[in-house]
Amino acid sequence: MSATADWADLRAPSLAEIEALADAAFAALPEEFRRLCHGIRIHVDDFPDEETLTEMECESEFDLLGLFRGVGLAQSGEVATGQMPNAVWLYRRPLLDYWAEHDESLGHLVTHVLVHEIGHHFGLSDDDMAGIEAAADEIGGDPGEA
């Protein structure tokens, strides 16, 4: 089979397929890291909403691959009544655009964005997050490879 035939019938991953990649990536993270994330919700949308784009000072709807909203351990304190649960948003179209322009698997990219969105808000350094990603690769491999 030619390389062209391998790609001829493929379509861009759907929101549900990106969410499945994110779920697999989260499940492959080290247990200690996942415990820090108790109750976190992962959402996948095509693009950030207008309010988020404005708040994050984005020039384009493709500027933001993901976003953490909530109160992480770095800002720890009591959960306020009515406070929304901690959540990560992954943005499908910007992720796909970035993936198309770079030499890495989609599963690796989703894992990277997920770890970084959670990690920065838990006060982790870039080195800490790189270690978590490396450990996830050892535990579960690349969630984009099947």
N, C-alpha and C. Protein backbone atom coordinates (compact mmCIF):
# COMPACT_ATOMS: atom_id res chain seq x y z
N MET A 1 0.86 -1.18 0.00
CA MET A 1 0.00 0.00 0.00
C MET A 1 0.89 1.24 0.00
N SER A 2 0.56 2.19 -0.82
CA SER A 2 1.38 3.41 -0.90
C SER A 2 1.08 4.34 0.27
N ALA A 3 2.00 5.25 0.51
CA ALA A 3 1.81 6.23 1.58
C ALA A 3 0.58 7.10 1.31
N THR A 4 0.30 7.38 0.05
CA THR A 4 -0.88 8.18 -0.30
C THR A 4 -2.15 7.45 0.10
N ALA A 5 -2.21 6.17 -0.15
CA ALA A 5 -3.40 5.38 0.19
C ALA A 5 -3.61 5.34 1.70
N ASP A 6 -2.53 5.34 2.47
CA ASP A 6 -2.65 5.34 3.93
C ASP A 6 -3.39 6.58 4.43
N TRP A 7 -3.24 7.70 3.76
CA TRP A 7 -3.83 8.97 4.20
C TRP A 7 -5.13 9.31 3.48
N ALA A 8 -5.42 8.64 2.40
CA ALA A 8 -6.53 9.04 1.52
C ALA A 8 -7.89 9.10 2.21
N ASP A 9 -8.15 8.23 3.17
CA ASP A 9 -9.46 8.17 3.80
C ASP A 9 -9.49 8.73 5.21
N LEU A 10 -8.38 9.26 5.67
CA LEU A 10 -8.33 9.78 7.04
C LEU A 10 -9.00 11.15 7.14
N ARG A 11 -9.59 11.39 8.30
CA ARG A 11 -10.22 12.68 8.60
C ARG A 11 -9.58 13.24 9.86
N ALA A 12 -9.73 14.53 10.07
CA ALA A 12 -9.21 15.15 11.29
C ALA A 12 -9.93 14.56 12.50
N PRO A 13 -9.22 14.35 13.60
CA PRO A 13 -9.86 13.82 14.80
C PRO A 13 -10.98 14.74 15.29
N SER A 14 -12.06 14.12 15.74
CA SER A 14 -13.22 14.85 16.26
C SER A 14 -12.95 15.33 17.68
N LEU A 15 -13.87 16.11 18.21
CA LEU A 15 -13.79 16.53 19.61
C LEU A 15 -13.71 15.31 20.53
N ALA A 16 -14.56 14.31 20.27
CA ALA A 16 -14.59 13.10 21.10
C ALA A 16 -13.26 12.34 21.00
N GLU A 17 -12.65 12.32 19.84
CA GLU A 17 -11.37 11.61 19.67
C GLU A 17 -10.24 12.35 20.39
N ILE A 18 -10.25 13.67 20.35
CA ILE A 18 -9.24 14.43 21.10
C ILE A 18 -9.47 14.23 22.60
N GLU A 19 -10.73 14.20 23.02
CA GLU A 19 -11.03 13.95 24.44
C GLU A 19 -10.53 12.57 24.86
N ALA A 20 -10.69 11.57 24.00
CA ALA A 20 -10.19 10.23 24.30
C ALA A 20 -8.66 10.23 24.41
N LEU A 21 -7.98 10.98 23.54
CA LEU A 21 -6.52 11.13 23.65
C LEU A 21 -6.15 11.77 24.98
N ALA A 22 -6.88 12.81 25.37
CA ALA A 22 -6.61 13.49 26.64
C ALA A 22 -6.85 12.57 27.83
N ASP A 23 -7.92 11.79 27.78
CA ASP A 23 -8.20 10.84 28.86
C ASP A 23 -7.09 9.80 28.97
N ALA A 24 -6.63 9.29 27.82
CA ALA A 24 -5.54 8.32 27.82
C ALA A 24 -4.24 8.95 28.33
N ALA A 25 -3.99 10.19 27.93
CA ALA A 25 -2.79 10.89 28.40
C ALA A 25 -2.85 11.09 29.91
N PHE A 26 -4.00 11.49 30.42
CA PHE A 26 -4.15 11.70 31.87
C PHE A 26 -3.96 10.39 32.62
N ALA A 27 -4.53 9.30 32.11
CA ALA A 27 -4.42 8.00 32.76
C ALA A 27 -2.97 7.51 32.80
N ALA A 28 -2.15 7.94 31.84
CA ALA A 28 -0.76 7.51 31.77
C ALA A 28 0.17 8.35 32.65
N LEU A 29 -0.35 9.43 33.23
CA LEU A 29 0.49 10.27 34.09
C LEU A 29 0.81 9.52 35.38
N PRO A 30 1.95 9.84 35.99
CA PRO A 30 2.30 9.19 37.26
C PRO A 30 1.20 9.41 38.32
N GLU A 31 0.99 8.39 39.12
CA GLU A 31 -0.06 8.42 40.15
C GLU A 31 0.06 9.64 41.06
N GLU A 32 1.28 10.00 41.45
CA GLU A 32 1.46 11.15 42.35
C GLU A 32 0.92 12.44 41.72
N PHE A 33 1.13 12.59 40.43
CA PHE A 33 0.66 13.77 39.72
C PHE A 33 -0.87 13.75 39.61
N ARG A 34 -1.43 12.59 39.26
CA ARG A 34 -2.88 12.49 39.13
C ARG A 34 -3.58 12.77 40.46
N ARG A 35 -2.95 12.38 41.57
CA ARG A 35 -3.54 12.66 42.88
C ARG A 35 -3.65 14.16 43.13
N LEU A 36 -2.69 14.93 42.64
CA LEU A 36 -2.74 16.39 42.77
C LEU A 36 -3.93 16.98 42.01
N CYS A 37 -4.43 16.22 41.06
CA CYS A 37 -5.47 16.70 40.15
C CYS A 37 -6.85 16.18 40.51
N HIS A 38 -7.04 15.74 41.72
CA HIS A 38 -8.32 15.16 42.12
C HIS A 38 -9.48 16.09 41.73
N GLY A 39 -10.44 15.53 41.02
CA GLY A 39 -11.63 16.29 40.65
C GLY A 39 -11.48 17.19 39.44
N ILE A 40 -10.30 17.23 38.84
CA ILE A 40 -10.12 18.10 37.66
C ILE A 40 -10.95 17.54 36.50
N ARG A 41 -11.50 18.43 35.72
CA ARG A 41 -12.29 18.04 34.55
C ARG A 41 -11.54 18.47 33.29
N ILE A 42 -11.62 17.63 32.29
CA ILE A 42 -10.97 17.93 31.01
C ILE A 42 -12.06 18.16 29.98
N HIS A 43 -12.00 19.32 29.33
CA HIS A 43 -12.97 19.69 28.30
C HIS A 43 -12.22 19.89 26.98
N VAL A 44 -12.87 19.57 25.90
CA VAL A 44 -12.30 19.83 24.57
C VAL A 44 -13.32 20.64 23.78
N ASP A 45 -12.86 21.77 23.27
CA ASP A 45 -13.67 22.62 22.40
C ASP A 45 -12.88 22.86 21.12
N ASP A 46 -13.57 23.28 20.07
CA ASP A 46 -12.85 23.60 18.85
C ASP A 46 -11.93 24.80 19.04
N PHE A 47 -12.44 25.87 19.67
CA PHE A 47 -11.68 27.10 19.89
C PHE A 47 -12.04 27.67 21.26
N PRO A 48 -11.16 28.52 21.80
CA PRO A 48 -11.54 29.27 23.01
C PRO A 48 -12.67 30.24 22.68
N ASP A 49 -13.48 30.56 23.69
CA ASP A 49 -14.55 31.53 23.47
C ASP A 49 -13.95 32.94 23.42
N GLU A 50 -14.77 33.90 22.98
CA GLU A 50 -14.30 35.28 22.81
C GLU A 50 -13.78 35.88 24.11
N GLU A 51 -14.47 35.60 25.22
CA GLU A 51 -14.06 36.12 26.52
C GLU A 51 -12.65 35.62 26.88
N THR A 52 -12.38 34.35 26.65
CA THR A 52 -11.06 33.78 26.93
C THR A 52 -10.01 34.39 26.02
N LEU A 53 -10.31 34.52 24.75
CA LEU A 53 -9.35 35.13 23.81
C LEU A 53 -8.99 36.54 24.25
N THR A 54 -9.97 37.30 24.68
CA THR A 54 -9.72 38.67 25.15
C THR A 54 -8.91 38.65 26.43
N GLU A 55 -9.33 37.84 27.40
CA GLU A 55 -8.63 37.75 28.69
C GLU A 55 -7.17 37.34 28.52
N MET A 56 -6.90 36.41 27.61
CA MET A 56 -5.54 35.91 27.40
C MET A 56 -4.76 36.76 26.39
N GLU A 57 -5.39 37.83 25.89
CA GLU A 57 -4.77 38.76 24.94
C GLU A 57 -4.25 38.05 23.69
N CYS A 58 -5.07 37.14 23.17
CA CYS A 58 -4.71 36.40 21.96
C CYS A 58 -4.96 37.25 20.72
N GLU A 59 -4.07 37.15 19.77
CA GLU A 59 -4.25 37.85 18.51
C GLU A 59 -5.11 37.05 17.54
N SER A 60 -5.16 35.73 17.76
CA SER A 60 -5.89 34.84 16.87
C SER A 60 -6.52 33.73 17.70
N GLU A 61 -7.58 33.14 17.18
CA GLU A 61 -8.22 32.03 17.87
C GLU A 61 -7.33 30.78 17.85
N PHE A 62 -6.24 30.80 17.08
CA PHE A 62 -5.29 29.69 17.03
C PHE A 62 -4.13 29.85 18.01
N ASP A 63 -4.10 30.95 18.77
CA ASP A 63 -2.98 31.23 19.67
C ASP A 63 -2.97 30.37 20.92
N LEU A 64 -4.09 29.82 21.32
CA LEU A 64 -4.21 29.12 22.59
C LEU A 64 -4.51 27.65 22.35
N LEU A 65 -3.59 26.77 22.80
CA LEU A 65 -3.78 25.33 22.65
C LEU A 65 -4.59 24.73 23.79
N GLY A 66 -4.45 25.33 24.96
CA GLY A 66 -5.15 24.82 26.14
C GLY A 66 -5.17 25.87 27.23
N LEU A 67 -5.96 25.61 28.27
CA LEU A 67 -6.11 26.57 29.36
C LEU A 67 -6.55 25.85 30.62
N PHE A 68 -5.96 26.23 31.76
CA PHE A 68 -6.40 25.74 33.06
C PHE A 68 -7.23 26.83 33.71
N ARG A 69 -8.36 26.44 34.28
CA ARG A 69 -9.19 27.37 35.07
C ARG A 69 -9.45 26.72 36.41
N GLY A 70 -9.21 27.46 37.48
CA GLY A 70 -9.48 26.94 38.80
C GLY A 70 -8.45 27.42 39.80
N VAL A 71 -8.39 26.72 40.91
CA VAL A 71 -7.45 27.04 41.98
C VAL A 71 -6.54 25.84 42.14
N GLY A 72 -5.29 26.00 41.78
CA GLY A 72 -4.33 24.91 41.90
C GLY A 72 -3.65 24.90 43.25
N LEU A 73 -2.75 23.94 43.43
CA LEU A 73 -2.05 23.83 44.71
C LEU A 73 -1.17 25.04 45.00
N ALA A 74 -0.66 25.67 43.96
CA ALA A 74 0.20 26.84 44.16
C ALA A 74 -0.58 28.00 44.79
N GLN A 75 -1.90 28.02 44.60
CA GLN A 75 -2.75 29.05 45.19
C GLN A 75 -3.66 28.42 46.24
N SER A 76 -3.20 27.34 46.86
CA SER A 76 -4.09 26.54 47.71
C SER A 76 -4.78 27.36 48.78
N GLY A 77 -5.91 26.88 49.12
CA GLY A 77 -6.74 27.50 50.13
C GLY A 77 -8.05 26.77 50.15
N GLU A 78 -8.96 27.24 50.93
CA GLU A 78 -10.26 26.61 51.02
C GLU A 78 -11.04 26.85 49.72
N VAL A 79 -11.77 25.83 49.32
CA VAL A 79 -12.64 25.97 48.15
C VAL A 79 -13.82 26.82 48.55
N ALA A 80 -14.07 27.85 47.78
CA ALA A 80 -15.16 28.77 48.08
C ALA A 80 -16.49 28.18 47.61
N THR A 81 -17.53 28.48 48.34
CA THR A 81 -18.87 28.04 47.96
C THR A 81 -19.19 28.60 46.57
N GLY A 82 -19.71 27.75 45.72
CA GLY A 82 -20.07 28.19 44.37
C GLY A 82 -18.91 28.21 43.39
N GLN A 83 -17.72 27.87 43.86
CA GLN A 83 -16.54 27.86 42.98
C GLN A 83 -16.65 26.70 42.00
N MET A 84 -16.36 26.96 40.75
CA MET A 84 -16.39 25.91 39.74
C MET A 84 -15.22 24.97 39.97
N PRO A 85 -15.36 23.69 39.59
CA PRO A 85 -14.25 22.75 39.76
C PRO A 85 -13.08 23.10 38.85
N ASN A 86 -11.89 22.69 39.26
CA ASN A 86 -10.72 22.89 38.41
C ASN A 86 -10.95 22.18 37.09
N ALA A 87 -10.53 22.82 36.01
CA ALA A 87 -10.76 22.25 34.68
C ALA A 87 -9.65 22.67 33.73
N VAL A 88 -9.39 21.80 32.78
CA VAL A 88 -8.47 22.09 31.68
C VAL A 88 -9.29 22.06 30.40
N TRP A 89 -9.08 23.05 29.58
CA TRP A 89 -9.67 23.07 28.24
C TRP A 89 -8.55 22.81 27.25
N LEU A 90 -8.81 21.92 26.32
CA LEU A 90 -7.93 21.71 25.17
C LEU A 90 -8.70 22.17 23.95
N TYR A 91 -8.01 22.86 23.06
CA TYR A 91 -8.67 23.45 21.89
C TYR A 91 -8.24 22.69 20.63
N ARG A 92 -9.19 21.94 20.09
CA ARG A 92 -8.94 21.00 19.00
C ARG A 92 -8.31 21.64 17.77
N ARG A 93 -8.92 22.69 17.25
CA ARG A 93 -8.42 23.27 16.00
C ARG A 93 -7.02 23.86 16.15
N PRO A 94 -6.72 24.63 17.21
CA PRO A 94 -5.34 25.09 17.38
C PRO A 94 -4.36 23.93 17.58
N LEU A 95 -4.78 22.87 18.31
CA LEU A 95 -3.92 21.70 18.47
C LEU A 95 -3.62 21.06 17.12
N LEU A 96 -4.65 20.89 16.28
CA LEU A 96 -4.45 20.28 14.98
C LEU A 96 -3.57 21.15 14.08
N ASP A 97 -3.75 22.46 14.16
CA ASP A 97 -2.93 23.38 13.37
C ASP A 97 -1.47 23.28 13.80
N TYR A 98 -1.21 23.28 15.11
CA TYR A 98 0.15 23.16 15.62
C TYR A 98 0.75 21.82 15.20
N TRP A 99 -0.03 20.74 15.35
CA TRP A 99 0.42 19.40 15.00
C TRP A 99 0.83 19.32 13.53
N ALA A 100 0.06 19.95 12.66
CA ALA A 100 0.35 19.92 11.23
C ALA A 100 1.67 20.60 10.89
N GLU A 101 2.09 21.54 11.73
CA GLU A 101 3.30 22.31 11.46
C GLU A 101 4.54 21.79 12.18
N HIS A 102 4.39 20.75 13.01
CA HIS A 102 5.51 20.28 13.82
C HIS A 102 5.68 18.77 13.68
N ASP A 103 6.85 18.30 14.04
CA ASP A 103 7.18 16.89 13.88
C ASP A 103 7.04 16.15 15.22
N GLU A 104 5.80 15.97 15.65
CA GLU A 104 5.52 15.17 16.84
C GLU A 104 4.13 14.57 16.67
N SER A 105 3.89 13.50 17.42
CA SER A 105 2.59 12.85 17.29
C SER A 105 1.52 13.70 17.98
N LEU A 106 0.29 13.51 17.55
CA LEU A 106 -0.82 14.23 18.17
C LEU A 106 -0.96 13.82 19.64
N GLY A 107 -0.78 12.53 19.93
CA GLY A 107 -0.86 12.07 21.32
C GLY A 107 0.17 12.73 22.21
N HIS A 108 1.39 12.88 21.71
CA HIS A 108 2.43 13.55 22.49
C HIS A 108 2.08 15.01 22.72
N LEU A 109 1.57 15.67 21.69
CA LEU A 109 1.19 17.07 21.82
C LEU A 109 0.08 17.25 22.85
N VAL A 110 -0.94 16.40 22.81
CA VAL A 110 -2.04 16.49 23.77
C VAL A 110 -1.51 16.27 25.19
N THR A 111 -0.63 15.28 25.37
CA THR A 111 -0.03 15.04 26.69
C THR A 111 0.74 16.26 27.15
N HIS A 112 1.54 16.83 26.27
CA HIS A 112 2.36 18.00 26.61
C HIS A 112 1.49 19.17 27.06
N VAL A 113 0.46 19.48 26.31
CA VAL A 113 -0.41 20.61 26.65
C VAL A 113 -1.16 20.32 27.95
N LEU A 114 -1.65 19.11 28.12
CA LEU A 114 -2.37 18.75 29.34
C LEU A 114 -1.47 18.89 30.56
N VAL A 115 -0.27 18.34 30.50
CA VAL A 115 0.67 18.43 31.63
C VAL A 115 1.01 19.88 31.92
N HIS A 116 1.27 20.67 30.89
CA HIS A 116 1.66 22.07 31.12
C HIS A 116 0.52 22.91 31.65
N GLU A 117 -0.68 22.69 31.17
CA GLU A 117 -1.81 23.48 31.68
C GLU A 117 -2.06 23.18 33.15
N ILE A 118 -1.97 21.92 33.52
CA ILE A 118 -2.14 21.57 34.93
C ILE A 118 -0.92 22.01 35.73
N GLY A 119 0.26 21.71 35.21
CA GLY A 119 1.51 21.91 35.94
C GLY A 119 1.81 23.34 36.33
N HIS A 120 1.62 24.27 35.43
CA HIS A 120 1.90 25.67 35.77
C HIS A 120 1.05 26.13 36.94
N HIS A 121 -0.18 25.70 36.99
CA HIS A 121 -1.07 26.13 38.06
C HIS A 121 -0.85 25.37 39.35
N PHE A 122 -0.06 24.30 39.30
CA PHE A 122 0.31 23.60 40.52
C PHE A 122 1.70 24.02 40.97
N GLY A 123 2.24 25.05 40.32
CA GLY A 123 3.53 25.58 40.72
C GLY A 123 4.72 24.74 40.30
N LEU A 124 4.55 23.90 39.30
CA LEU A 124 5.63 23.04 38.84
C LEU A 124 6.52 23.79 37.85
N SER A 125 7.80 23.48 37.89
CA SER A 125 8.75 24.07 36.95
C SER A 125 8.67 23.34 35.62
N ASP A 126 9.26 23.93 34.59
CA ASP A 126 9.31 23.27 33.29
C ASP A 126 10.06 21.94 33.39
N ASP A 127 11.13 21.89 34.22
CA ASP A 127 11.86 20.64 34.42
C ASP A 127 10.98 19.58 35.08
N ASP A 128 10.19 20.00 36.08
CA ASP A 128 9.25 19.06 36.73
C ASP A 128 8.28 18.49 35.70
N MET A 129 7.73 19.37 34.86
CA MET A 129 6.75 18.93 33.88
C MET A 129 7.38 18.02 32.83
N ALA A 130 8.64 18.30 32.44
CA ALA A 130 9.33 17.43 31.48
C ALA A 130 9.51 16.04 32.10
N GLY A 131 9.80 15.98 33.38
CA GLY A 131 9.94 14.70 34.07
C GLY A 131 8.63 13.94 34.11
N ILE A 132 7.53 14.66 34.32
CA ILE A 132 6.21 14.02 34.35
C ILE A 132 5.86 13.47 32.97
N GLU A 133 6.17 14.24 31.93
CA GLU A 133 5.90 13.75 30.57
C GLU A 133 6.74 12.52 30.27
N ALA A 134 8.01 12.53 30.68
CA ALA A 134 8.88 11.37 30.45
C ALA A 134 8.36 10.15 31.19
N ALA A 135 7.90 10.34 32.41
CA ALA A 135 7.34 9.23 33.19
C ALA A 135 6.07 8.69 32.53
N ALA A 136 5.25 9.60 31.99
CA ALA A 136 4.03 9.17 31.29
C ALA A 136 4.37 8.33 30.07
N ASP A 137 5.43 8.72 29.36
CA ASP A 137 5.86 7.95 28.19
C ASP A 137 6.27 6.54 28.61
N GLU A 138 6.96 6.42 29.76
CA GLU A 138 7.38 5.11 30.25
C GLU A 138 6.19 4.27 30.69
N ILE A 139 5.19 4.91 31.32
CA ILE A 139 4.03 4.19 31.86
C ILE A 139 3.11 3.75 30.73
N GLY A 140 2.71 4.70 29.90
CA GLY A 140 1.67 4.38 28.92
C GLY A 140 2.06 4.55 27.48
N GLY A 141 3.27 4.94 27.22
CA GLY A 141 3.65 5.19 25.84
C GLY A 141 2.96 6.42 25.32
N ASP A 142 3.05 6.65 24.04
CA ASP A 142 2.42 7.79 23.39
C ASP A 142 0.95 7.45 23.14
N PRO A 143 0.01 8.22 23.75
CA PRO A 143 -1.41 7.91 23.55
C PRO A 143 -1.87 8.07 22.11
N GLY A 144 -1.04 8.61 21.26
CA GLY A 144 -1.39 8.76 19.86
C GLY A 144 -1.01 7.56 19.03
N GLU A 145 -0.26 6.63 19.63
CA GLU A 145 0.14 5.44 18.91
C GLU A 145 -0.71 4.27 19.34
N ALA A 146 -1.23 3.54 18.41
CA ALA A 146 -2.05 2.38 18.76
C ALA A 146 -1.62 1.18 17.96
